[in-house]
Amino acid sequence: MNAESDERKVVAATSASDSATGDEQASERELGSRAPRYIQASRVLHLSWQVGIFVVGLAVVGAGIVMLPLPGPGWLVIFGGMAIWATEFVWAQLVLRWTRRKVTEAAQRALDPKVRRRNVILTTLGLLIVAVLVGIYVWKFGIVMPWKIDQ
């Protein structure tokens, strides 16, 4: 298990130094376990550490999934659980990097003036259509309050 994570660190460090520069290299951390060295030194202790991290991350991700249909910050909690898993598991680190990259790309696309103009136009049209539909409904049926108050 430690030999695999050592290999991944070497491969990640080599690919990071080849492809990343300056700030990018500082933001890209090496792949693998971030457990303290004394935990990584013992195979049994490291395995139990990984099981604990997995269980805690699973509980947080499960709570986030429950929060999706219920009130609460579901996606934020799910990504928090993924971040917990990413402290120990390479697959979670890769998923988190991919997600961070996609969110950054989407934010950059949203700041594009053409996209912003299109979004403003579509939002205005949508609000106009909703206003017309509400106006037609009120004109046809009137405003009926759900409670009965004798006047």
C-alpha atoms as a PDB file:
ATOM      1  CA  MET A   1       0.000   0.000   0.000  1.00  0.00           C
ATOM      2  CA  ASN A   2       2.785   2.438   0.863  1.00  0.00           C
ATOM      3  CA  ALA A   3       4.763   1.471  -2.229  1.00  0.00           C
ATOM      4  CA  GLU A   4       1.774   2.365  -4.424  1.00  0.00           C
ATOM      5  CA  SER A   5       1.300   5.748  -2.799  1.00  0.00           C
ATOM      6  CA  ASP A   6       5.054   6.429  -3.080  1.00  0.00           C
ATOM      7  CA  GLU A   7       4.911   5.630  -6.799  1.00  0.00           C
ATOM      8  CA  ARG A   8       1.907   7.921  -7.219  1.00  0.00           C
ATOM      9  CA  LYS A   9       3.739  10.734  -5.443  1.00  0.00           C
ATOM     10  CA  VAL A  10       6.725  10.379  -7.781  1.00  0.00           C
ATOM     11  CA  VAL A  11       4.510  10.254 -10.888  1.00  0.00           C
ATOM     12  CA  ALA A  12       2.407  13.184  -9.656  1.00  0.00           C
ATOM     13  CA  ALA A  13       5.490  15.236  -8.800  1.00  0.00           C
ATOM     14  CA  THR A  14       7.050  14.490 -12.202  1.00  0.00           C
ATOM     15  CA  SER A  15       3.884  15.327 -14.159  1.00  0.00           C
ATOM     16  CA  ALA A  16       3.221  18.395 -12.002  1.00  0.00           C
ATOM     17  CA  SER A  17       6.725  19.766 -12.610  1.00  0.00           C
ATOM     18  CA  ASP A  18       6.406  19.085 -16.353  1.00  0.00           C
ATOM     19  CA  SER A  19       2.976  20.642 -16.860  1.00  0.00           C
ATOM     20  CA  ALA A  20       2.539  23.190 -14.066  1.00  0.00           C
ATOM     21  CA  THR A  21       4.326  26.476 -13.582  1.00  0.00           C
ATOM     22  CA  GLY A  22       4.646  28.838 -10.634  1.00  0.00           C
ATOM     23  CA  ASP A  23       1.267  29.314  -8.939  1.00  0.00           C
ATOM     24  CA  GLU A  24      -0.236  26.264 -10.624  1.00  0.00           C
ATOM     25  CA  GLN A  25       2.490  24.033  -9.216  1.00  0.00           C
ATOM     26  CA  ALA A  26       1.936  25.397  -5.708  1.00  0.00           C
ATOM     27  CA  SER A  27      -1.823  24.833  -5.948  1.00  0.00           C
ATOM     28  CA  GLU A  28      -1.453  21.245  -7.233  1.00  0.00           C
ATOM     29  CA  ARG A  29      -0.546  19.099  -4.247  1.00  0.00           C
ATOM     30  CA  GLU A  30       0.955  15.669  -4.594  1.00  0.00           C
ATOM     31  CA  LEU A  31      -1.393  12.723  -4.783  1.00  0.00           C
ATOM     32  CA  GLY A  32      -1.598  10.205  -1.982  1.00  0.00           C
ATOM     33  CA  SER A  33      -2.159  10.007   1.732  1.00  0.00           C
ATOM     34  CA  ARG A  34      -1.849  13.093   3.881  1.00  0.00           C
ATOM     35  CA  ALA A  35      -1.802  11.105   7.099  1.00  0.00           C
ATOM     36  CA  PRO A  36       0.966  11.959   9.572  1.00  0.00           C
ATOM     37  CA  ARG A  37       4.253  10.068   9.029  1.00  0.00           C
ATOM     38  CA  TYR A  38       3.952   8.051  12.240  1.00  0.00           C
ATOM     39  CA  ILE A  39       0.567   6.725  11.035  1.00  0.00           C
ATOM     40  CA  GLN A  40       1.923   5.917   7.584  1.00  0.00           C
ATOM     41  CA  ALA A  41       4.840   4.052   9.160  1.00  0.00           C
ATOM     42  CA  SER A  42       2.588   1.332  10.596  1.00  0.00           C
ATOM     43  CA  ARG A  43       0.555  -0.652   8.065  1.00  0.00           C
ATOM     44  CA  VAL A  44      -2.192  -1.587  10.563  1.00  0.00           C
ATOM     45  CA  LEU A  45      -2.459   1.963  11.896  1.00  0.00           C
ATOM     46  CA  HIS A  46      -2.555   3.415   8.378  1.00  0.00           C
ATOM     47  CA  LEU A  47      -5.245   0.959   7.284  1.00  0.00           C
ATOM     48  CA  SER A  48      -7.379   1.790  10.317  1.00  0.00           C
ATOM     49  CA  TRP A  49      -6.792   5.507   9.606  1.00  0.00           C
ATOM     50  CA  GLN A  50      -8.039   5.008   6.044  1.00  0.00           C
ATOM     51  CA  VAL A  51     -11.103   3.102   7.248  1.00  0.00           C
ATOM     52  CA  GLY A  52     -11.874   5.918   9.703  1.00  0.00           C
ATOM     53  CA  ILE A  53     -11.485   8.572   7.000  1.00  0.00           C
ATOM     54  CA  PHE A  54     -13.708   6.551   4.660  1.00  0.00           C
ATOM     55  CA  VAL A  55     -16.445   6.139   7.286  1.00  0.00           C
ATOM     56  CA  VAL A  56     -16.420   9.833   8.245  1.00  0.00           C
ATOM     57  CA  GLY A  57     -16.435  10.891   4.571  1.00  0.00           C
ATOM     58  CA  LEU A  58     -19.239   8.435   3.834  1.00  0.00           C
ATOM     59  CA  ALA A  59     -21.319   9.863   6.693  1.00  0.00           C
ATOM     60  CA  VAL A  60     -20.809  13.418   5.427  1.00  0.00           C
ATOM     61  CA  VAL A  61     -21.587  12.491   1.803  1.00  0.00           C
ATOM     62  CA  GLY A  62     -24.650  10.548   2.990  1.00  0.00           C
ATOM     63  CA  ALA A  63     -25.858  13.584   4.946  1.00  0.00           C
ATOM     64  CA  GLY A  64     -25.360  15.709   1.830  1.00  0.00           C
ATOM     65  CA  ILE A  65     -27.388  13.288  -0.275  1.00  0.00           C
ATOM     66  CA  VAL A  66     -30.174  13.419   2.302  1.00  0.00           C
ATOM     67  CA  MET A  67     -30.027  17.239   2.163  1.00  0.00           C
ATOM     68  CA  LEU A  68     -30.538  17.328  -1.616  1.00  0.00           C
ATOM     69  CA  PRO A  69     -34.347  16.969  -1.440  1.00  0.00           C
ATOM     70  CA  LEU A  70     -34.558  18.388   2.096  1.00  0.00           C
ATOM     71  CA  PRO A  71     -33.616  21.883   3.232  1.00  0.00           C
ATOM     72  CA  GLY A  72     -29.890  22.288   3.599  1.00  0.00           C
ATOM     73  CA  PRO A  73     -26.723  22.832   1.592  1.00  0.00           C
ATOM     74  CA  GLY A  74     -26.673  19.369   0.008  1.00  0.00           C
ATOM     75  CA  TRP A  75     -24.043  19.866  -2.704  1.00  0.00           C
ATOM     76  CA  LEU A  76     -21.788  21.835  -0.368  1.00  0.00           C
ATOM     77  CA  VAL A  77     -21.875  19.006   2.186  1.00  0.00           C
ATOM     78  CA  ILE A  78     -21.259  16.396  -0.525  1.00  0.00           C
ATOM     79  CA  PHE A  79     -18.180  18.285  -1.709  1.00  0.00           C
ATOM     80  CA  GLY A  80     -17.091  18.580   1.926  1.00  0.00           C
ATOM     81  CA  GLY A  81     -17.280  14.796   2.237  1.00  0.00           C
ATOM     82  CA  MET A  82     -15.283  14.451  -0.972  1.00  0.00           C
ATOM     83  CA  ALA A  83     -12.668  16.787   0.523  1.00  0.00           C
ATOM     84  CA  ILE A  84     -12.487  14.551   3.588  1.00  0.00           C
ATOM     85  CA  TRP A  85     -11.961  11.522   1.353  1.00  0.00           C
ATOM     86  CA  ALA A  86      -9.368  13.462  -0.666  1.00  0.00           C
ATOM     87  CA  THR A  87      -7.142  13.706   2.393  1.00  0.00           C
ATOM     88  CA  GLU A  88      -6.505   9.990   2.054  1.00  0.00           C
ATOM     89  CA  PHE A  89      -7.642   8.577  -1.301  1.00  0.00           C
ATOM     90  CA  VAL A  90      -6.168   9.351  -4.718  1.00  0.00           C
ATOM     91  CA  TRP A  91      -9.455   8.776  -6.573  1.00  0.00           C
ATOM     92  CA  ALA A  92     -11.162  11.432  -4.459  1.00  0.00           C
ATOM     93  CA  GLN A  93      -8.269  13.836  -5.034  1.00  0.00           C
ATOM     94  CA  LEU A  94      -8.623  13.354  -8.785  1.00  0.00           C
ATOM     95  CA  VAL A  95     -12.412  13.857  -8.643  1.00  0.00           C
ATOM     96  CA  LEU A  96     -11.945  17.009  -6.572  1.00  0.00           C
ATOM     97  CA  ARG A  97      -9.329  18.368  -9.009  1.00  0.00           C
ATOM     98  CA  TRP A  98     -11.618  17.644 -11.970  1.00  0.00           C
ATOM     99  CA  THR A  99     -14.553  19.342 -10.201  1.00  0.00           C
ATOM    100  CA  ARG A 100     -12.458  22.372  -9.270  1.00  0.00           C
ATOM    101  CA  ARG A 101     -11.244  22.668 -12.862  1.00  0.00           C
ATOM    102  CA  LYS A 102     -14.797  22.432 -14.273  1.00  0.00           C
ATOM    103  CA  VAL A 103     -16.129  25.018 -11.798  1.00  0.00           C
ATOM    104  CA  THR A 104     -13.311  27.404 -12.700  1.00  0.00           C
ATOM    105  CA  GLU A 105     -14.013  26.932 -16.414  1.00  0.00           C
ATOM    106  CA  ALA A 106     -17.735  27.550 -15.876  1.00  0.00           C
ATOM    107  CA  ALA A 107     -17.001  30.699 -13.877  1.00  0.00           C
ATOM    108  CA  GLN A 108     -14.735  31.993 -16.631  1.00  0.00           C
ATOM    109  CA  ARG A 109     -17.369  31.232 -19.272  1.00  0.00           C
ATOM    110  CA  ALA A 110     -20.029  33.006 -17.206  1.00  0.00           C
ATOM    111  CA  LEU A 111     -17.873  36.144 -17.099  1.00  0.00           C
ATOM    112  CA  ASP A 112     -17.650  36.250 -20.895  1.00  0.00           C
ATOM    113  CA  PRO A 113     -19.551  39.382 -22.057  1.00  0.00           C
ATOM    114  CA  LYS A 114     -21.453  37.500 -24.786  1.00  0.00           C
ATOM    115  CA  VAL A 115     -22.602  34.833 -22.342  1.00  0.00           C
ATOM    116  CA  ARG A 116     -23.581  37.445 -19.740  1.00  0.00           C
ATOM    117  CA  ARG A 117     -25.579  39.383 -22.332  1.00  0.00           C
ATOM    118  CA  ARG A 118     -27.336  36.190 -23.446  1.00  0.00           C
ATOM    119  CA  ASN A 119     -28.123  35.256 -19.831  1.00  0.00           C
ATOM    120  CA  VAL A 120     -29.539  38.718 -19.107  1.00  0.00           C
ATOM    121  CA  ILE A 121     -31.713  38.580 -22.235  1.00  0.00           C
ATOM    122  CA  LEU A 122     -32.989  35.077 -21.432  1.00  0.00           C
ATOM    123  CA  THR A 123     -33.720  36.005 -17.810  1.00  0.00           C
ATOM    124  CA  THR A 124     -35.601  39.136 -18.899  1.00  0.00           C
ATOM    125  CA  LEU A 125     -37.645  37.138 -21.418  1.00  0.00           C
ATOM    126  CA  GLY A 126     -38.418  34.483 -18.813  1.00  0.00           C
ATOM    127  CA  LEU A 127     -39.567  37.078 -16.275  1.00  0.00           C
ATOM    128  CA  LEU A 128     -41.665  38.807 -18.932  1.00  0.00           C
ATOM    129  CA  ILE A 129     -43.376  35.525 -19.853  1.00  0.00           C
ATOM    130  CA  VAL A 130     -44.079  34.744 -16.186  1.00  0.00           C
ATOM    131  CA  ALA A 131     -45.464  38.264 -15.636  1.00  0.00           C
ATOM    132  CA  VAL A 132     -47.784  37.914 -18.658  1.00  0.00           C
ATOM    133  CA  LEU A 133     -49.000  34.496 -17.483  1.00  0.00           C
ATOM    134  CA  VAL A 134     -49.653  35.795 -13.953  1.00  0.00           C
ATOM    135  CA  GLY A 135     -51.460  38.819 -15.426  1.00  0.00           C
ATOM    136  CA  ILE A 136     -53.676  36.590 -17.587  1.00  0.00           C
ATOM    137  CA  TYR A 137     -54.465  34.357 -14.607  1.00  0.00           C
ATOM    138  CA  VAL A 138     -55.382  37.311 -12.381  1.00  0.00           C
ATOM    139  CA  TRP A 139     -57.469  38.901 -15.173  1.00  0.00           C
ATOM    140  CA  LYS A 140     -59.338  35.641 -15.808  1.00  0.00           C
ATOM    141  CA  PHE A 141     -59.797  34.330 -12.245  1.00  0.00           C
ATOM    142  CA  GLY A 142     -59.071  37.308  -9.995  1.00  0.00           C
ATOM    143  CA  ILE A 143     -57.109  37.216  -6.783  1.00  0.00           C
ATOM    144  CA  VAL A 144     -58.535  34.725  -4.310  1.00  0.00           C
ATOM    145  CA  MET A 145     -56.887  34.617  -0.924  1.00  0.00           C
ATOM    146  CA  PRO A 146     -56.483  31.149   0.576  1.00  0.00           C
ATOM    147  CA  TRP A 147     -57.917  32.292   3.893  1.00  0.00           C
ATOM    148  CA  LYS A 148     -61.469  33.466   4.552  1.00  0.00           C
ATOM    149  CA  ILE A 149     -61.811  36.786   6.306  1.00  0.00           C
ATOM    150  CA  ASP A 150     -65.238  38.312   6.858  1.00  0.00           C
ATOM    151  CA  GLN A 151     -65.164  41.971   5.988  1.00  0.00           C
END
